[in-house]
C-alpha atoms as a PDB file:
ATOM      1  CA  UNK A   1     -17.593  -3.869  15.293  1.00  0.00           C
ATOM      2  CA  UNK A   2     -15.139  -1.082  16.165  1.00  0.00           C
ATOM      3  CA  UNK A   3     -14.781  -0.180  19.832  1.00  0.00           C
ATOM      4  CA  UNK A   4     -15.138   3.430  20.931  1.00  0.00           C
ATOM      5  CA  UNK A   5     -11.504   3.419  22.053  1.00  0.00           C
ATOM      6  CA  UNK A   6     -10.255   2.153  18.681  1.00  0.00           C
ATOM      7  CA  UNK A   7     -12.459   4.651  16.826  1.00  0.00           C
ATOM      8  CA  UNK A   8     -10.958   7.447  18.934  1.00  0.00           C
ATOM      9  CA  UNK A   9      -7.476   6.251  17.967  1.00  0.00           C
ATOM     10  CA  UNK A  10      -8.433   6.211  14.307  1.00  0.00           C
ATOM     11  CA  UNK A  11      -9.858   9.734  14.546  1.00  0.00           C
ATOM     12  CA  UNK A  12      -6.631  10.867  16.214  1.00  0.00           C
ATOM     13  CA  UNK A  13      -4.531   9.405  13.428  1.00  0.00           C
ATOM     14  CA  UNK A  14      -6.356  11.162  10.592  1.00  0.00           C
ATOM     15  CA  UNK A  15      -5.542  14.713  11.706  1.00  0.00           C
ATOM     16  CA  UNK A  16      -3.220  16.820   9.585  1.00  0.00           C
ATOM     17  CA  UNK A  17      -1.628  20.121  10.556  1.00  0.00           C
ATOM     18  CA  UNK A  18       1.224  22.511   9.821  1.00  0.00           C
ATOM     19  CA  UNK A  19       3.540  23.750  12.554  1.00  0.00           C
ATOM     20  CA  UNK A  20       4.681  27.356  13.068  1.00  0.00           C
ATOM     21  CA  UNK A  21       7.666  26.797  10.767  1.00  0.00           C
ATOM     22  CA  UNK A  22       5.493  25.606   7.881  1.00  0.00           C
ATOM     23  CA  UNK A  23       6.498  21.938   8.242  1.00  0.00           C
ATOM     24  CA  UNK A  24       3.794  19.370   7.555  1.00  0.00           C
ATOM     25  CA  UNK A  25       2.772  17.504  10.670  1.00  0.00           C
ATOM     26  CA  UNK A  26       1.342  13.983  10.569  1.00  0.00           C
ATOM     27  CA  UNK A  27      -0.263  11.976  13.343  1.00  0.00           C
ATOM     28  CA  UNK A  28      -0.413   8.202  13.683  1.00  0.00           C
ATOM     29  CA  UNK A  29      -1.263   5.596  16.264  1.00  0.00           C
ATOM     30  CA  UNK A  30       2.164   3.968  15.846  1.00  0.00           C
ATOM     31  CA  UNK A  31       5.380   5.422  14.471  1.00  0.00           C
ATOM     32  CA  UNK A  32       8.150   3.055  13.368  1.00  0.00           C
ATOM     33  CA  UNK A  33      11.624   4.448  12.775  1.00  0.00           C
ATOM     34  CA  UNK A  34      13.258   2.287  10.121  1.00  0.00           C
ATOM     35  CA  UNK A  35      11.871   0.247   7.219  1.00  0.00           C
ATOM     36  CA  UNK A  36      14.414  -2.564   7.335  1.00  0.00           C
ATOM     37  CA  UNK A  37      13.476  -6.160   8.180  1.00  0.00           C
ATOM     38  CA  UNK A  38      12.687  -5.351  11.834  1.00  0.00           C
ATOM     39  CA  UNK A  39      10.481  -2.356  11.072  1.00  0.00           C
ATOM     40  CA  UNK A  40       8.698  -4.119   8.218  1.00  0.00           C
ATOM     41  CA  UNK A  41       8.079  -7.219  10.348  1.00  0.00           C
ATOM     42  CA  UNK A  42       6.498  -5.148  13.110  1.00  0.00           C
ATOM     43  CA  UNK A  43       4.298  -3.232  10.675  1.00  0.00           C
ATOM     44  CA  UNK A  44       3.157  -6.359   8.824  1.00  0.00           C
ATOM     45  CA  UNK A  45       2.245  -8.089  12.090  1.00  0.00           C
ATOM     46  CA  UNK A  46       0.074  -5.117  13.062  1.00  0.00           C
ATOM     47  CA  UNK A  47      -1.282  -4.322   9.601  1.00  0.00           C
ATOM     48  CA  UNK A  48      -4.670  -5.951  10.210  1.00  0.00           C
ATOM     49  CA  UNK A  49      -5.219  -4.491  13.692  1.00  0.00           C
ATOM     50  CA  UNK A  50      -7.076  -1.386  12.535  1.00  0.00           C
ATOM     51  CA  UNK A  51      -4.430   1.154  13.522  1.00  0.00           C
ATOM     52  CA  UNK A  52      -2.682   3.815  11.465  1.00  0.00           C
ATOM     53  CA  UNK A  53       1.035   3.148  11.103  1.00  0.00           C
ATOM     54  CA  UNK A  54       3.621   5.662   9.944  1.00  0.00           C
ATOM     55  CA  UNK A  55       7.072   4.393   8.924  1.00  0.00           C
ATOM     56  CA  UNK A  56      10.006   6.816   8.810  1.00  0.00           C
ATOM     57  CA  UNK A  57      12.911   5.638   6.639  1.00  0.00           C
ATOM     58  CA  UNK A  58      16.081   7.651   6.055  1.00  0.00           C
ATOM     59  CA  UNK A  59      16.883   5.960   2.730  1.00  0.00           C
ATOM     60  CA  UNK A  60      14.909   5.665  -0.500  1.00  0.00           C
ATOM     61  CA  UNK A  61      14.041   2.177  -1.755  1.00  0.00           C
ATOM     62  CA  UNK A  62      15.378   0.248  -3.569  1.00  0.00           C
ATOM     63  CA  UNK A  63      18.595   0.597  -1.606  1.00  0.00           C
ATOM     64  CA  UNK A  64      21.859  -1.299  -1.296  1.00  0.00           C
ATOM     65  CA  UNK A  65      23.044  -2.297   2.174  1.00  0.00           C
ATOM     66  CA  UNK A  66      26.174  -4.183   3.207  1.00  0.00           C
ATOM     67  CA  UNK A  67      25.106  -7.441   4.822  1.00  0.00           C
ATOM     68  CA  UNK A  68      26.109 -11.074   5.148  1.00  0.00           C
ATOM     69  CA  UNK A  69      22.871 -12.008   3.322  1.00  0.00           C
ATOM     70  CA  UNK A  70      22.175 -15.027   5.544  1.00  0.00           C
ATOM     71  CA  UNK A  71      18.628 -15.819   6.697  1.00  0.00           C
ATOM     72  CA  UNK A  72      18.724 -18.260   9.591  1.00  0.00           C
ATOM     73  CA  UNK A  73      16.063 -20.676  10.729  1.00  0.00           C
ATOM     74  CA  UNK A  74      15.034 -18.148  13.379  1.00  0.00           C
ATOM     75  CA  UNK A  75      14.337 -15.590  10.652  1.00  0.00           C
ATOM     76  CA  UNK A  76      12.241 -18.090   8.725  1.00  0.00           C
ATOM     77  CA  UNK A  77      10.235 -18.949  11.840  1.00  0.00           C
ATOM     78  CA  UNK A  78       9.456 -15.271  12.351  1.00  0.00           C
ATOM     79  CA  UNK A  79       8.350 -14.950   8.721  1.00  0.00           C
ATOM     80  CA  UNK A  80       6.044 -17.953   9.086  1.00  0.00           C
ATOM     81  CA  UNK A  81       4.174 -16.114  11.850  1.00  0.00           C
ATOM     82  CA  UNK A  82       3.561 -12.961   9.789  1.00  0.00           C
ATOM     83  CA  UNK A  83      -0.072 -12.913   8.581  1.00  0.00           C
ATOM     84  CA  UNK A  84      -0.948 -12.943   4.907  1.00  0.00           C
ATOM     85  CA  UNK A  85       1.242 -15.750   3.580  1.00  0.00           C
ATOM     86  CA  UNK A  86       4.461 -13.703   3.570  1.00  0.00           C
ATOM     87  CA  UNK A  87       6.630 -16.791   4.053  1.00  0.00           C
ATOM     88  CA  UNK A  88       5.062 -18.719   1.168  1.00  0.00           C
ATOM     89  CA  UNK A  89       5.374 -15.632  -1.038  1.00  0.00           C
ATOM     90  CA  UNK A  90       9.055 -15.405  -0.122  1.00  0.00           C
ATOM     91  CA  UNK A  91       9.657 -19.057  -1.004  1.00  0.00           C
ATOM     92  CA  UNK A  92       7.916 -18.712  -4.353  1.00  0.00           C
ATOM     93  CA  UNK A  93       9.068 -15.328  -5.593  1.00  0.00           C
ATOM     94  CA  UNK A  94      12.396 -14.210  -4.096  1.00  0.00           C
ATOM     95  CA  UNK A  95      15.788 -15.263  -5.502  1.00  0.00           C
ATOM     96  CA  UNK A  96      17.796 -17.152  -2.876  1.00  0.00           C
ATOM     97  CA  UNK A  97      20.136 -20.088  -2.307  1.00  0.00           C
ATOM     98  CA  UNK A  98      19.325 -22.844   0.222  1.00  0.00           C
ATOM     99  CA  UNK A  99      21.712 -22.997   3.153  1.00  0.00           C
ATOM    100  CA  UNK A 100      22.083 -26.412   4.798  1.00  0.00           C
ATOM    101  CA  UNK A 101      25.280 -25.931   6.769  1.00  0.00           C
ATOM    102  CA  UNK A 102      28.501 -24.011   7.351  1.00  0.00           C
ATOM    103  CA  UNK A 103      31.954 -24.625   5.888  1.00  0.00           C
ATOM    104  CA  UNK A 104      35.043 -23.485   7.820  1.00  0.00           C
ATOM    105  CA  UNK A 105      38.279 -23.188   5.814  1.00  0.00           C
ATOM    106  CA  UNK A 106      41.636 -22.998   7.610  1.00  0.00           C
ATOM    107  CA  UNK A 107      44.642 -20.984   6.352  1.00  0.00           C
ATOM    108  CA  UNK A 108      46.119 -24.245   5.032  1.00  0.00           C
ATOM    109  CA  UNK A 109      42.951 -24.672   2.925  1.00  0.00           C
ATOM    110  CA  UNK A 110      41.698 -27.658   4.888  1.00  0.00           C
ATOM    111  CA  UNK A 111      37.939 -27.455   5.321  1.00  0.00           C
ATOM    112  CA  UNK A 112      35.328 -28.848   7.663  1.00  0.00           C
ATOM    113  CA  UNK A 113      31.607 -28.896   6.920  1.00  0.00           C
ATOM    114  CA  UNK A 114      29.062 -28.630   9.725  1.00  0.00           C
ATOM    115  CA  UNK A 115      25.513 -29.445   8.605  1.00  0.00           C
ATOM    116  CA  UNK A 116      22.560 -27.791  10.298  1.00  0.00           C
ATOM    117  CA  UNK A 117      20.844 -31.191  10.379  1.00  0.00           C
ATOM    118  CA  UNK A 118      22.712 -34.428  11.105  1.00  0.00           C
ATOM    119  CA  UNK A 119      20.330 -36.409   8.926  1.00  0.00           C
ATOM    120  CA  UNK A 120      18.051 -35.673   6.019  1.00  0.00           C
ATOM    121  CA  UNK A 121      18.206 -35.018   2.305  1.00  0.00           C
ATOM    122  CA  UNK A 122      18.130 -32.025   0.005  1.00  0.00           C
ATOM    123  CA  UNK A 123      14.473 -32.823  -0.674  1.00  0.00           C
ATOM    124  CA  UNK A 124      13.603 -31.435   2.743  1.00  0.00           C
ATOM    125  CA  UNK A 125      12.919 -27.692   3.172  1.00  0.00           C
ATOM    126  CA  UNK A 126      16.108 -25.745   3.667  1.00  0.00           C
ATOM    127  CA  UNK A 127      16.737 -24.670   7.280  1.00  0.00           C
ATOM    128  CA  UNK A 128      18.060 -21.334   6.042  1.00  0.00           C
ATOM    129  CA  UNK A 129      18.801 -19.297   2.932  1.00  0.00           C
ATOM    130  CA  UNK A 130      21.316 -16.890   1.488  1.00  0.00           C
ATOM    131  CA  UNK A 131      19.461 -13.974  -0.091  1.00  0.00           C
ATOM    132  CA  UNK A 132      20.812 -10.634  -1.296  1.00  0.00           C
ATOM    133  CA  UNK A 133      19.948  -8.047   1.323  1.00  0.00           C
ATOM    134  CA  UNK A 134      18.520  -5.586  -1.194  1.00  0.00           C
ATOM    135  CA  UNK A 135      16.246  -8.319  -2.607  1.00  0.00           C
ATOM    136  CA  UNK A 136      15.009  -9.278   0.867  1.00  0.00           C
ATOM    137  CA  UNK A 137      14.532  -5.654   1.924  1.00  0.00           C
ATOM    138  CA  UNK A 138      12.630  -4.836  -1.254  1.00  0.00           C
ATOM    139  CA  UNK A 139      10.398  -7.884  -0.786  1.00  0.00           C
ATOM    140  CA  UNK A 140       9.462  -6.920   2.771  1.00  0.00           C
ATOM    141  CA  UNK A 141       9.123  -3.244   1.870  1.00  0.00           C
ATOM    142  CA  UNK A 142       6.882  -4.069  -1.084  1.00  0.00           C
ATOM    143  CA  UNK A 143       4.455  -5.955   1.138  1.00  0.00           C
ATOM    144  CA  UNK A 144       3.912  -2.822   3.246  1.00  0.00           C
ATOM    145  CA  UNK A 145       2.423  -1.055   0.262  1.00  0.00           C
ATOM    146  CA  UNK A 146      -0.524  -3.455   0.152  1.00  0.00           C
ATOM    147  CA  UNK A 147      -2.052  -1.808   3.233  1.00  0.00           C
ATOM    148  CA  UNK A 148      -3.874   1.520   3.168  1.00  0.00           C
ATOM    149  CA  UNK A 149      -3.346   2.046   6.895  1.00  0.00           C
ATOM    150  CA  UNK A 150       0.448   1.966   6.509  1.00  0.00           C
ATOM    151  CA  UNK A 151       2.087   5.132   5.233  1.00  0.00           C
ATOM    152  CA  UNK A 152       5.787   5.173   4.381  1.00  0.00           C
ATOM    153  CA  UNK A 153       7.930   8.306   4.433  1.00  0.00           C
ATOM    154  CA  UNK A 154      11.214   7.753   2.596  1.00  0.00           C
ATOM    155  CA  UNK A 155      14.194  10.090   2.831  1.00  0.00           C
ATOM    156  CA  UNK A 156      13.188  11.081   6.368  1.00  0.00           C
ATOM    157  CA  UNK A 157      16.022  10.829   8.894  1.00  0.00           C
ATOM    158  CA  UNK A 158      14.968  11.008  12.531  1.00  0.00           C
ATOM    159  CA  UNK A 159      16.559  14.110  14.025  1.00  0.00           C
ATOM    160  CA  UNK A 160      14.855  14.401  17.400  1.00  0.00           C
ATOM    161  CA  UNK A 161      12.424  12.419  19.557  1.00  0.00           C
ATOM    162  CA  UNK A 162      10.521  14.314  22.256  1.00  0.00           C
ATOM    163  CA  UNK A 163       8.148  12.859  24.843  1.00  0.00           C
ATOM    164  CA  UNK A 164       5.037  14.939  25.504  1.00  0.00           C
ATOM    165  CA  UNK A 165       2.334  14.296  28.064  1.00  0.00           C
ATOM    166  CA  UNK A 166       0.058  12.320  25.742  1.00  0.00           C
ATOM    167  CA  UNK A 167       2.092  11.714  22.582  1.00  0.00           C
ATOM    168  CA  UNK A 168       5.572  11.291  21.106  1.00  0.00           C
ATOM    169  CA  UNK A 169       6.846  14.058  18.822  1.00  0.00           C
ATOM    170  CA  UNK A 170       9.354  13.052  16.153  1.00  0.00           C
ATOM    171  CA  UNK A 171      11.197  15.611  14.078  1.00  0.00           C
ATOM    172  CA  UNK A 172      12.646  14.398  10.794  1.00  0.00           C
ATOM    173  CA  UNK A 173      14.409  15.897   7.810  1.00  0.00           C
ATOM    174  CA  UNK A 174      11.284  17.446   6.305  1.00  0.00           C
ATOM    175  CA  UNK A 175       8.330  16.856   8.627  1.00  0.00           C
ATOM    176  CA  UNK A 176       7.095  16.437  12.160  1.00  0.00           C
ATOM    177  CA  UNK A 177       5.187  13.392  13.339  1.00  0.00           C
ATOM    178  CA  UNK A 178       3.060  12.621  16.370  1.00  0.00           C
ATOM    179  CA  UNK A 179       2.342   9.138  17.634  1.00  0.00           C
ATOM    180  CA  UNK A 180       0.841   7.452  20.648  1.00  0.00           C
ATOM    181  CA  UNK A 181       3.680   4.907  20.482  1.00  0.00           C
ATOM    182  CA  UNK A 182       7.063   4.819  18.771  1.00  0.00           C
ATOM    183  CA  UNK A 183       9.163   1.772  17.909  1.00  0.00           C
ATOM    184  CA  UNK A 184      12.857   2.092  17.151  1.00  0.00           C
ATOM    185  CA  UNK A 185      14.011  -0.120  14.284  1.00  0.00           C
ATOM    186  CA  UNK A 186      16.577   2.384  13.073  1.00  0.00           C
ATOM    187  CA  UNK A 187      19.761   0.417  13.529  1.00  0.00           C
ATOM    188  CA  UNK A 188      22.812   0.468  15.766  1.00  0.00           C
ATOM    189  CA  UNK A 189      22.881   4.282  15.975  1.00  0.00           C
ATOM    190  CA  UNK A 190      19.175   4.466  16.755  1.00  0.00           C
ATOM    191  CA  UNK A 191      17.910   7.936  17.672  1.00  0.00           C
ATOM    192  CA  UNK A 192      14.893   6.305  19.302  1.00  0.00           C
ATOM    193  CA  UNK A 193      17.105   4.166  21.559  1.00  0.00           C
ATOM    194  CA  UNK A 194      19.160   7.192  22.575  1.00  0.00           C
ATOM    195  CA  UNK A 195      15.952   9.023  23.468  1.00  0.00           C
ATOM    196  CA  UNK A 196      14.638   6.156  25.562  1.00  0.00           C
ATOM    197  CA  UNK A 197      17.967   5.841  27.366  1.00  0.00           C
ATOM    198  CA  UNK A 198      18.221   9.570  27.941  1.00  0.00           C
ATOM    199  CA  UNK A 199      21.339   9.972  25.801  1.00  0.00           C
ATOM    200  CA  UNK A 200      22.180  13.147  23.926  1.00  0.00           C
ATOM    201  CA  UNK A 201      21.342  12.897  20.198  1.00  0.00           C
END
């Protein structure tokens, strides 16, 4: 059973318009700036909640991104809580190397190993993994495409975020978007963060 409030939100999200400059204008319940691990995790956690989600990503997937490639135990715990068996799918289908500790090497080449667990064997599940960032990103990004209520806009850099009385207006490279809520997962130079903090973009 769909509540009247939720149905109203769904009706709101299905509108389509063109602004005075001829730019396509899309409306969603939730806008997410950024389709990296943070943005994908948020969208996947909300995918079965009956809301329309629009994701704005400045790059085009698959993409390469400089990263340390480490997935800590905290990351794995977050993945375990994502609905739909995402964690099990990751274990079964994504190339990765188990990480069971850290090795520090001094300039004189002496090394010290610090295990994540003081006891245990390699038969136990790894507490972390090393996984190429582009492989991990593509895995998370690919799972978004299973949901009809999630629409991804690639090659759309956020240019401006404007608060209106009853919606958020987001101007990107090629389009305009309206949303009841916006989430900033667009990195260290986040335009969404600057908007929320009142900084000049």
